[in-house]
Protein backbone atom coordinates (compact mmCIF):
# COMPACT_ATOMS: atom_id res chain seq x y z
CA MET A 1 141.46 83.18 94.18
CA THR A 2 140.69 79.49 93.63
CA LEU A 3 137.77 77.73 95.26
CA ARG A 4 140.16 75.56 97.26
CA ASN A 5 141.91 78.60 98.67
CA ARG A 6 138.59 80.27 99.42
CA LEU A 7 137.39 77.20 101.30
CA LEU A 8 140.62 77.07 103.26
CA MET A 9 140.47 80.76 103.99
CA PHE A 10 136.82 80.56 105.03
CA SER A 11 137.33 77.51 107.26
CA SER A 12 140.51 78.99 108.72
CA ALA A 13 138.71 82.23 109.48
CA GLN A 14 135.96 80.29 111.24
CA LEU A 15 138.48 78.28 113.20
CA ILE A 16 140.39 81.39 114.18
CA VAL A 17 137.21 83.04 115.37
CA PHE A 18 136.27 79.85 117.24
CA GLY A 19 139.74 79.67 118.82
CA VAL A 20 139.63 83.33 119.83
CA VAL A 21 136.19 82.89 121.39
CA VAL A 22 137.27 79.77 123.29
CA ALA A 23 140.54 81.39 124.42
CA PHE A 24 138.69 84.48 125.57
CA GLY A 25 136.18 82.34 127.42
CA TYR A 26 138.95 80.35 129.10
CA TRP A 27 140.77 83.54 130.09
CA LYS A 28 137.55 85.05 131.36
CA LEU A 29 136.81 81.98 133.50
CA SER A 30 140.37 81.76 134.83
CA HIS A 31 140.97 85.43 135.57
CA THR A 32 137.49 86.76 136.26
CA ILE A 33 134.88 84.12 137.06
CA LEU A 34 137.00 81.85 139.27
CA PRO A 35 138.49 84.71 141.33
CA MET A 36 135.02 86.10 141.68
CA VAL A 37 133.70 82.72 142.94
CA GLU A 38 136.59 82.49 145.43
CA GLU A 39 135.90 86.01 146.62
CA HIS A 40 132.23 85.14 146.93
CA LEU A 41 133.12 82.13 149.13
CA ARG A 42 135.27 84.40 151.36
CA ASP A 43 132.45 86.91 151.66
CA LYS A 44 130.05 84.08 152.40
CA ALA A 45 132.22 82.80 155.27
CA VAL A 46 132.43 86.28 156.84
CA ALA A 47 128.69 86.91 156.29
CA THR A 48 127.78 83.54 157.86
CA ALA A 49 129.97 84.22 160.91
CA ARG A 50 128.49 87.71 161.29
CA GLU A 51 124.96 86.34 161.01
CA LEU A 52 125.69 83.72 163.70
CA THR A 53 127.07 86.36 166.11
CA GLY A 54 123.76 88.17 165.82
CA SER A 55 121.70 85.06 166.56
CA LEU A 56 123.86 83.17 169.10
CA ASP A 57 124.34 85.99 171.65
CA VAL A 58 121.00 85.35 173.37
CA ALA A 59 121.56 81.57 173.45
CA LEU A 60 125.04 82.04 175.01
CA ALA A 61 123.76 84.59 177.50
CA ALA A 62 120.99 82.15 178.56
CA ASP A 63 123.33 79.14 178.35
CA ASP A 64 120.62 77.40 176.27
CA ARG A 65 122.24 74.61 174.20
CA ALA A 66 119.01 73.69 172.46
CA LEU A 67 118.64 77.27 171.23
CA LEU A 68 122.28 77.16 170.01
CA GLU A 69 121.57 74.04 167.97
CA ARG A 70 118.51 75.63 166.36
CA ASP A 71 120.48 78.77 165.45
CA LEU A 72 123.20 76.61 163.85
CA ALA A 73 120.78 74.44 161.83
CA GLU A 74 120.72 76.71 158.75
CA THR A 75 124.51 76.90 158.65
CA LEU A 76 124.83 73.10 158.88
CA ALA A 77 122.50 72.76 155.82
CA ASP A 78 124.73 74.96 153.60
CA PRO A 79 126.23 72.88 150.71
CA ASP A 80 129.63 74.51 151.30
CA PHE A 81 129.61 73.77 155.10
CA HIS A 82 132.72 72.04 156.50
CA TYR A 83 133.06 72.92 160.22
CA VAL A 84 131.54 75.24 162.82
CA GLU A 85 132.62 75.76 166.43
CA VAL A 86 131.17 77.92 169.24
CA ARG A 87 133.21 78.78 172.37
CA ASP A 88 132.30 80.60 175.56
CA ALA A 89 133.95 83.74 176.94
CA HIS A 90 136.74 81.62 178.55
CA GLY A 91 137.65 79.92 175.26
CA ASN A 92 136.02 76.60 176.16
CA GLU A 93 134.33 74.68 173.35
CA ILE A 94 130.55 74.57 173.71
CA VAL A 95 129.32 73.25 170.31
CA ALA A 96 131.28 71.86 167.31
CA HIS A 97 129.94 70.28 164.12
CA GLY A 98 131.69 69.00 160.99
CA THR A 99 135.23 67.86 160.35
CA HIS A 100 137.89 69.68 162.28
CA SER A 101 140.91 70.26 160.11
CA ALA A 102 144.50 70.76 161.16
CA GLY A 103 145.27 74.30 162.23
CA VAL A 104 144.75 76.66 165.10
CA THR A 105 141.12 77.42 165.79
CA MET A 106 140.11 81.07 166.26
CA SER A 107 143.49 82.21 164.91
CA GLY A 108 144.20 85.22 162.79
CA GLU A 109 142.30 88.48 162.63
CA PRO A 110 138.58 88.29 163.44
CA ARG A 111 135.98 89.30 160.84
CA ILE A 112 138.41 88.42 158.00
CA ALA A 113 138.25 85.32 155.76
CA HIS A 114 141.36 83.10 155.77
CA ALA A 115 142.00 80.50 153.02
CA ASP A 116 144.13 77.44 153.77
CA ALA A 117 144.35 73.90 152.30
CA GLY A 118 141.15 74.14 150.28
CA LEU A 119 139.18 75.65 153.18
CA VAL A 120 137.92 79.14 153.93
CA ARG A 121 137.39 80.12 157.58
CA ALA A 122 136.27 83.20 159.48
CA TRP A 123 135.69 83.78 163.19
CA MET A 124 134.06 86.57 165.22
CA PRO A 125 133.50 87.37 168.88
CA ILE A 126 129.94 87.21 170.23
CA THR A 127 128.95 90.26 172.30
CA LEU A 128 125.72 91.60 173.71
CA GLU A 129 125.49 95.20 174.94
CA GLY A 130 129.26 95.38 175.24
CA THR A 131 129.64 92.08 177.18
CA ASN A 132 131.69 89.31 175.56
CA PHE A 133 129.89 85.94 175.70
CA GLY A 134 132.19 83.91 173.45
CA SER A 135 133.13 83.44 169.81
CA VAL A 136 132.10 81.46 166.72
CA GLU A 137 134.18 80.11 163.82
CA VAL A 138 132.78 79.07 160.43
CA VAL A 139 134.82 76.92 157.99
CA LEU A 140 133.56 76.47 154.38
CA ASP A 141 134.76 73.86 151.89
CA ALA A 142 136.32 75.31 148.69
CA SER A 143 136.15 71.99 146.80
CA ARG A 144 133.47 73.29 144.42
CA VAL A 145 135.77 76.10 143.37
CA ALA A 146 138.57 73.57 142.81
CA ASP A 147 136.18 71.42 140.73
CA LEU A 148 135.30 74.46 138.62
CA GLN A 149 139.00 75.14 138.04
CA THR A 150 139.58 71.54 136.98
CA TRP A 151 136.54 71.63 134.66
CA THR A 152 137.81 74.86 133.06
CA ARG A 153 141.19 73.38 132.31
CA THR A 154 139.60 70.21 130.91
CA VAL A 155 137.29 72.18 128.61
CA GLY A 156 140.23 74.28 127.42
CA VAL A 157 142.30 71.20 126.54
CA MET A 158 139.33 69.52 124.81
CA SER A 159 138.55 72.70 122.83
CA LEU A 160 142.14 72.86 121.63
CA GLY A 161 141.99 69.24 120.55
CA VAL A 162 138.70 69.77 118.71
CA TRP A 163 140.14 72.86 117.03
CA LEU A 164 143.13 70.87 115.71
CA LEU A 165 140.92 68.02 114.48
CA VAL A 166 138.57 70.42 112.68
CA PHE A 167 141.50 72.22 111.07
CA LEU A 168 142.92 68.94 109.72
CA TYR A 169 139.46 67.92 108.50
CA SER A 170 139.07 71.25 106.70
CA LEU A 171 142.30 70.68 104.79
CA GLY A 172 141.20 67.23 103.65
CA PHE A 173 137.66 68.38 102.85
CA ALA A 174 138.88 71.28 100.72
CA ARG A 175 141.01 68.96 98.61
CA SER A 176 138.34 66.28 98.16
CA PHE A 177 135.63 68.86 97.46
CA VAL A 178 137.51 70.86 94.85
CA ALA A 179 138.79 67.96 92.70
CA PRO A 180 135.39 66.98 91.18
CA ILE A 181 134.47 70.63 90.77
CA ARG A 182 137.58 71.20 88.69
CA ALA A 183 136.64 68.24 86.53
CA MET A 184 133.14 69.69 86.12
CA LYS A 185 134.60 73.06 85.17
CA GLN A 186 136.71 71.52 82.40
CA PHE A 187 133.69 69.52 81.27
CA ALA A 188 131.54 72.68 81.14
CA GLN A 189 134.19 74.44 79.01
CA ARG A 190 134.11 71.61 76.50
CA VAL A 191 130.32 71.68 76.40
CA ALA A 192 130.40 75.47 75.91
CA GLN A 193 132.58 74.86 72.84
CA GLY A 194 129.85 72.65 71.37
CA GLU A 195 131.07 69.19 72.37
CA PHE A 196 127.64 67.95 73.43
CA GLY A 197 128.63 64.28 73.07
CA GLU A 198 131.01 64.51 76.05
CA GLN A 199 130.31 62.60 79.28
CA LEU A 200 131.70 63.54 82.68
CA VAL A 201 133.72 60.76 84.33
CA THR A 202 134.85 61.52 87.88
CA SER A 203 134.17 60.33 91.40
CA ALA A 204 131.99 62.82 93.26
CA PRO A 205 130.39 62.27 96.66
CA GLY A 206 126.88 63.25 97.75
CA GLU A 207 125.27 66.19 95.98
CA LEU A 208 128.27 66.53 93.65
CA GLY A 209 127.49 63.03 92.36
CA GLU A 210 123.91 64.12 91.67
CA LEU A 211 125.25 67.21 89.90
CA LYS A 212 127.50 65.03 87.73
CA ALA A 213 124.50 62.92 86.69
CA HIS A 214 122.51 66.08 85.88
CA LEU A 215 125.38 67.45 83.77
CA ASN A 216 125.59 64.25 81.74
CA THR A 217 121.83 64.30 81.23
CA MET A 218 122.04 67.96 80.24
CA THR A 219 124.58 67.33 77.48
CA ALA A 220 122.36 64.64 76.00
CA GLU A 221 119.40 67.00 76.01
CA LEU A 222 121.48 69.84 74.56
CA GLN A 223 122.30 67.70 71.56
CA SER A 224 118.62 67.39 70.67
CA ARG A 225 117.76 70.94 71.64
CA GLU A 226 120.44 72.35 69.34
CA GLN A 227 118.54 71.00 66.37
CA GLU A 228 115.30 72.44 67.74
CA ARG A 229 117.03 75.78 68.32
CA ALA A 230 117.99 76.09 64.66
CA LEU A 231 114.37 75.57 63.65
CA ALA A 232 113.16 78.01 66.34
CA ALA A 233 115.65 80.67 65.20
CA ALA A 234 114.17 80.63 61.72
CA ARG A 235 110.68 80.92 63.16
CA ALA A 236 111.77 83.72 65.53
CA GLU A 237 113.16 85.74 62.64
CA GLU A 238 109.84 85.47 60.87
CA MET A 239 107.96 86.45 64.04
CA GLN A 240 110.30 89.42 64.50
CA ARG A 241 109.29 90.77 61.12
CA GLU A 242 105.63 90.32 62.04
CA LEU A 243 106.20 92.01 65.39
CA LEU A 244 107.77 95.05 63.74
CA SER A 245 104.73 95.35 61.51
CA VAL A 246 102.34 95.07 64.47
CA THR A 247 104.41 97.60 66.46
CA ARG A 248 104.16 100.14 63.65
CA MET A 249 100.41 99.64 63.50
CA ALA A 250 100.13 100.03 67.29
CA GLY A 251 102.14 103.26 67.14
CA MET A 252 99.88 104.59 64.41
CA ALA A 253 96.82 103.65 66.48
CA GLU A 254 98.22 105.44 69.55
CA VAL A 255 98.95 108.57 67.51
CA ALA A 256 95.45 108.44 66.02
CA THR A 257 93.92 108.07 69.49
CA SER A 258 95.90 111.06 70.73
CA VAL A 259 94.76 113.18 67.77
CA LEU A 260 91.12 112.19 68.25
CA HIS A 261 91.21 112.86 71.97
CA ASN A 262 92.91 116.25 71.84
CA VAL A 263 91.06 117.46 68.76
CA GLY A 264 87.82 116.23 70.36
CA ASN A 265 88.41 118.49 73.37
CA VAL A 266 88.89 121.50 71.13
CA LEU A 267 85.91 120.57 68.93
CA ASN A 268 83.71 120.59 72.03
CA SER A 269 84.75 124.19 72.64
CA LEU A 270 84.18 124.99 68.94
CA ASN A 271 80.72 123.47 69.15
CA VAL A 272 79.89 125.57 72.22
CA SER A 273 81.10 128.78 70.53
CA VAL A 274 79.20 128.07 67.29
CA SER A 275 76.05 127.16 69.24
CA LEU A 276 76.28 130.41 71.18
CA VAL A 277 76.67 132.47 67.97
CA ASN A 278 73.76 130.57 66.41
CA ASP A 279 71.53 131.21 69.44
CA GLN A 280 72.39 134.91 69.32
CA LEU A 281 71.58 135.09 65.63
CA LYS A 282 68.24 133.41 66.23
CA GLY A 283 67.39 135.92 68.95
CA SER A 284 68.82 138.93 67.11
CA LYS A 285 66.88 142.25 67.00
CA VAL A 286 67.64 142.63 63.28
CA ALA A 287 64.20 141.15 62.45
CA SER A 288 62.50 143.76 64.68
CA LEU A 289 64.47 146.52 62.95
CA THR A 290 63.32 145.22 59.54
CA ARG A 291 59.65 145.28 60.60
CA THR A 292 60.09 148.84 61.87
CA VAL A 293 61.46 149.96 58.48
CA GLU A 294 58.47 148.32 56.76
CA LEU A 295 56.17 150.45 58.96
CA PHE A 296 57.97 153.58 57.71
CA ASP A 297 57.42 152.57 54.11
CA LYS A 298 53.74 151.72 54.53
CA HIS A 299 52.78 154.83 56.52
CA PRO A 300 51.35 157.73 54.44
CA GLY A 301 53.80 160.59 54.41
CA GLY A 302 56.81 158.37 55.00
CA LEU A 303 59.21 158.48 57.94
CA ALA A 304 58.58 162.14 58.89
CA ALA A 305 54.82 161.64 59.19
CA PHE A 306 55.25 158.33 61.07
CA LEU A 307 57.54 159.89 63.66
CA GLY A 308 54.69 162.30 64.51
CA THR A 309 52.39 159.46 65.56
CA ASP A 310 52.27 157.86 69.02
CA LYS A 311 54.08 154.78 67.73
CA GLY A 312 56.60 156.91 65.89
CA LYS A 313 57.57 158.70 69.08
CA LEU A 314 58.77 155.33 70.45
CA VAL A 315 61.04 154.71 67.47
CA PRO A 316 64.14 156.72 68.64
CA GLY A 317 64.23 154.87 71.97
CA PHE A 318 63.66 151.58 70.21
CA LEU A 319 66.48 152.28 67.75
CA THR A 320 68.80 153.18 70.60
CA THR A 321 68.01 149.89 72.38
CA VAL A 322 68.40 147.91 69.15
CA SER A 323 71.73 149.56 68.34
CA GLN A 324 73.08 148.79 71.83
CA ARG A 325 71.88 145.20 71.54
CA LEU A 326 73.44 144.85 68.10
CA VAL A 327 76.74 146.21 69.43
CA GLU A 328 76.66 143.63 72.25
CA GLU A 329 75.75 140.84 69.82
CA ASN A 330 78.53 141.93 67.50
CA ALA A 331 81.08 141.96 70.35
CA THR A 332 79.96 138.52 71.54
CA ALA A 333 80.03 137.13 68.00
CA ARG A 334 83.52 138.56 67.41
CA ARG A 335 84.74 137.13 70.71
CA GLU A 336 83.36 133.68 69.95
CA LEU A 337 84.68 133.84 66.38
CA ASP A 338 88.12 134.73 67.78
CA SER A 339 87.80 131.68 69.99
CA VAL A 340 86.85 129.62 66.94
CA VAL A 341 89.93 130.89 65.11
CA ARG A 342 92.17 130.03 68.08
CA ASN A 343 90.63 126.58 68.41
CA VAL A 344 91.03 125.89 64.71
CA GLU A 345 94.65 127.02 64.96
CA HIS A 346 95.13 124.71 67.95
CA ILE A 347 93.60 121.80 66.00
CA LYS A 348 96.02 122.49 63.17
CA THR A 349 98.90 122.53 65.65
CA ILE A 350 97.77 119.27 67.26
CA VAL A 351 97.50 117.55 63.91
CA ALA A 352 100.86 118.89 62.80
CA THR A 353 102.46 117.84 66.07
CA GLN A 354 101.00 114.33 65.89
CA GLN A 355 102.00 113.97 62.23
CA ALA A 356 105.60 114.60 63.29
CA TYR A 357 105.26 112.45 66.46
CA THR A 358 107.95 110.03 65.48
CA GLN A 359 110.41 112.93 65.19
CA VAL A 360 109.16 114.69 68.36
CA SER A 361 109.50 118.09 66.81
CA GLY A 362 109.02 121.04 69.15
CA VAL A 363 109.62 124.78 69.05
CA ARG A 364 111.11 126.71 71.92
CA GLU A 365 109.54 130.14 72.36
CA PRO A 366 108.77 132.58 75.18
CA VAL A 367 105.47 131.72 76.87
CA VAL A 368 103.44 133.71 79.41
CA ALA A 369 101.91 131.03 81.61
CA GLY A 370 98.91 133.15 82.60
CA GLU A 371 97.93 133.84 78.98
CA LEU A 372 98.27 130.16 78.09
CA LEU A 373 96.10 129.10 81.05
CA ASP A 374 93.54 131.75 80.08
CA ASP A 375 93.42 130.27 76.57
CA ALA A 376 92.80 126.80 77.98
CA LEU A 377 90.02 128.13 80.26
CA ARG A 378 88.53 130.15 77.44
CA MET A 379 88.10 127.01 75.33
CA VAL A 380 85.66 125.59 77.88
CA GLU A 381 84.46 128.83 79.48
CA SER A 382 81.09 128.75 77.75
CA SER A 383 80.41 125.24 79.03
CA PHE A 384 81.29 126.40 82.55
CA ALA A 385 78.89 129.32 82.20
CA LYS A 386 76.06 127.00 81.17
CA HIS A 387 76.53 124.89 84.29
CA GLY A 388 76.99 127.85 86.64
CA VAL A 389 80.64 127.03 87.38
CA GLU A 390 82.61 129.82 89.03
CA ILE A 391 86.14 130.25 87.64
CA VAL A 392 88.68 131.67 90.10
CA ARG A 393 92.02 132.85 88.75
CA ASP A 394 94.88 133.16 91.23
CA TYR A 395 97.97 134.05 89.23
CA GLY A 396 101.15 134.95 91.06
CA GLU A 397 104.12 136.81 89.64
CA VAL A 398 106.09 134.23 87.65
CA PRO A 399 108.84 134.57 85.03
CA ILE A 400 108.32 133.87 81.34
CA LEU A 401 108.86 130.28 80.25
CA VAL A 402 110.89 129.21 77.24
CA THR A 403 109.15 126.01 76.16
CA ASP A 404 106.87 124.36 73.59
CA ARG A 405 103.75 126.54 73.68
CA HIS A 406 101.35 124.15 71.96
CA LYS A 407 102.40 121.13 73.97
CA VAL A 408 101.79 123.06 77.22
CA LEU A 409 98.41 124.25 75.90
CA GLN A 410 97.52 120.68 75.01
CA ILE A 411 98.32 119.59 78.58
CA LEU A 412 96.28 122.41 80.15
CA VAL A 413 93.28 121.81 77.87
CA ASN A 414 93.23 118.14 78.88
CA ILE A 415 93.38 119.00 82.59
CA VAL A 416 90.72 121.74 82.37
CA THR A 417 88.45 119.44 80.33
CA ASN A 418 88.79 116.69 82.93
CA ALA A 419 87.92 119.24 85.63
CA ARG A 420 84.82 120.22 83.67
CA HIS A 421 83.69 116.59 83.47
CA ALA A 422 84.37 116.06 87.18
CA ILE A 423 82.32 119.15 88.11
CA ARG A 424 79.54 118.13 85.74
CA ASP A 425 79.30 114.67 87.33
CA GLY A 426 79.57 116.04 90.88
CA ALA A 427 76.81 117.16 93.22
CA ASN A 428 78.33 120.34 94.64
CA GLU A 429 75.82 123.15 95.07
CA HIS A 430 78.47 125.79 94.35
CA PRO A 431 80.66 124.35 91.58
CA ARG A 432 83.99 126.12 91.28
CA LEU A 433 87.23 125.74 89.36
CA THR A 434 90.37 127.42 90.72
CA ALA A 435 93.36 128.00 88.45
CA SER A 436 96.57 129.16 90.13
CA ILE A 437 100.15 129.82 89.08
CA ARG A 438 103.06 130.00 91.51
CA PRO A 439 106.84 130.23 91.16
CA THR A 440 108.95 127.27 92.28
CA GLU A 441 112.66 126.83 92.94
CA HIS A 442 113.40 125.79 89.37
CA GLY A 443 110.38 127.03 87.42
CA ILE A 444 106.64 127.45 87.89
CA ALA A 445 103.72 125.36 89.17
CA ILE A 446 100.30 125.49 87.49
CA ALA A 447 97.47 124.03 89.61
CA VAL A 448 93.86 123.37 88.56
CA SER A 449 91.47 122.53 91.41
CA ASP A 450 87.81 121.56 91.08
CA THR A 451 84.90 120.81 93.39
CA GLY A 452 83.87 117.74 91.38
CA ILE A 453 83.44 114.05 92.10
CA GLY A 454 86.98 113.64 93.47
CA ILE A 455 89.22 110.58 93.27
CA PRO A 456 89.19 107.59 95.67
CA PRO A 457 92.56 106.97 97.36
CA GLU A 458 92.99 103.59 95.64
CA ASN A 459 92.73 105.26 92.20
CA ILE A 460 95.36 107.99 92.81
CA PRO A 461 98.33 105.82 91.66
CA LYS A 462 96.41 104.75 88.51
CA VAL A 463 95.33 108.17 87.22
CA PHE A 464 98.17 108.60 84.71
CA ARG A 465 98.26 104.93 83.70
CA HIS A 466 97.49 104.18 80.06
CA GLY A 467 93.97 102.81 79.63
CA PHE A 468 92.73 103.70 83.13
CA THR A 469 89.45 105.62 83.21
CA THR A 470 86.31 105.88 85.34
CA LYS A 471 84.20 107.51 82.63
CA ARG A 472 81.62 105.43 80.84
CA ASP A 473 82.74 106.76 77.46
CA GLY A 474 86.42 107.31 78.41
CA HIS A 475 89.41 105.52 76.94
CA GLY A 476 92.11 106.35 79.52
CA PHE A 477 94.43 108.17 77.14
CA GLY A 478 94.15 111.87 78.01
CA LEU A 479 95.96 112.02 81.37
CA HIS A 480 98.45 109.39 80.23
CA SER A 481 99.23 111.62 77.25
CA CYS A 482 99.56 114.60 79.63
CA GLY A 483 102.05 112.73 81.78
CA ASN A 484 104.18 111.83 78.77
CA ALA A 485 104.05 115.39 77.42
CA VAL A 486 105.04 116.93 80.78
CA ARG A 487 108.04 114.61 81.03
CA GLU A 488 109.03 115.53 77.48
CA LEU A 489 109.07 119.17 78.63
CA GLY A 490 111.34 118.28 81.57
CA GLY A 491 108.58 118.77 84.17
CA SER A 492 106.28 116.69 86.37
CA ILE A 493 102.58 116.26 87.00
CA ALA A 494 100.81 115.18 90.20
CA VAL A 495 97.26 114.75 91.45
CA ALA A 496 95.80 115.10 94.94
CA SER A 497 92.29 114.43 96.24
CA ALA A 498 90.74 114.09 99.68
CA GLY A 499 88.43 111.37 98.38
CA SER A 500 85.16 110.80 96.53
CA GLY A 501 82.99 113.91 96.30
CA LEU A 502 85.74 116.22 97.61
CA GLY A 503 87.23 117.47 94.36
CA ALA A 504 90.75 117.08 93.01
CA THR A 505 93.83 119.18 92.23
CA PHE A 506 96.17 118.59 89.30
CA THR A 507 99.55 120.31 89.54
CA VAL A 508 101.96 120.70 86.62
CA GLU A 509 105.52 121.84 87.36
CA LEU A 510 107.57 123.13 84.42
CA PRO A 511 111.18 124.34 84.24
CA LEU A 512 111.86 127.91 83.17
CA GLU A 513 113.60 126.61 80.05
CA LEU A 514 113.17 123.45 78.04
CA PRO A 515 116.20 121.32 79.00
CA GLU A 516 118.88 121.29 76.31
CA LYS A 517 118.99 117.49 76.12
CA ILE A 518 115.23 117.24 75.61
CA HIS A 519 115.26 120.10 73.12
CA ALA A 520 118.05 118.41 71.20
CA LEU A 521 115.91 115.29 70.90
CA ALA A 522 112.92 117.36 69.90
CA SER A 523 114.91 119.15 67.20
């Protein structure tokens, strides 16, 4: 639809709405308001007559003319007053005010309003305790109602005239408004084809004239800018090559940061395990066992003679204690060495995963969520033990996941490590970490809650933002990396905290199976 037709349609629609509103208003005045005003005047005449019968009875009974005049004063002041007449019981006129019009006075039914020749009248008998003392007639002028009718008709005719004038003006305006716009449209098409030397020549009123001047100025500027654009395009191509190089370097830096962060978490656990094994070796009872054997060798008569001495009698019990201690040390060392092996394997997996980051390679395999969470807790369990942190496991019955095991482990290690730091920096007398697993509608939910320093409300939306951290030595990459990894697995991660010093809860929701679309990208 052309602009001209749209203008006509829009203005016509407005005029139609205006006409409908005016017509409805005229109809409403003619058929509702005016009849209502007339009815009100009738009711007013009857009400005035009734009110006078209630106030004039005493004056008529006492034949007090002065009292009659006072009772009629309010009626005489009414703006619609035309005539009032009071008669006695014999029909003789006592008081009359106003202009008496042609017609029979006190005619027609009493207590009913009668309209005649632009007047409304009503009369009523005046009685007191059943005795008739006379009658009163009230006549009101209906000229104000007639004036309202005349005004309504005048407004209706004037509105119709205005409507016709506006309609004719709309037709002329649409034609005069569209002509310069069409010329501008053709001019813009020529400019779009590269004819920057063109100048727009057309008569355009008001703002359209200003627009024409701007268009002509624009074409002159475009001519010079076209030359600048060619030079800028060459420069942009060169900058694009530089940007690609910088982007590759930034990607490599991000991958390196991820490797350092995740490997650093595991190395902390490795360091704790190795330190624990080293401390056990330093405090081992093997040295005591060696000194005992030296006593056997130095004693005359050898082992049999030594066992007969007072010191020798203590040897069996000592050997039993040493053997039990060595068994415990061996079990602890094996457990920590197993942890070392797992951590080294996890480091290898992290490095391999990050080396293939650009290809997002992942392996779908069955995963028991409880075992994976235990592995993540085990990596920092020794640190928790040193700080007296109680670990509470609350694992519900959940199905086996089919997902990327190492990526999930990487997420859990990050969350557990953050919980450890939060507890370490907190001031809770009974530090505790609670790990729970629950089934959800579409998968499982893994929650890690701590009693650490908590998170202020204003920091909740920033927790997973790249570069955001509240640690003095933090870099704001760990939780951001977790958020990205969870989304790659088709899940979600959320954090909740009641505020500073009140701990925090991180919840990871994962689907039962890695979504096919995501797995296809990963493969």
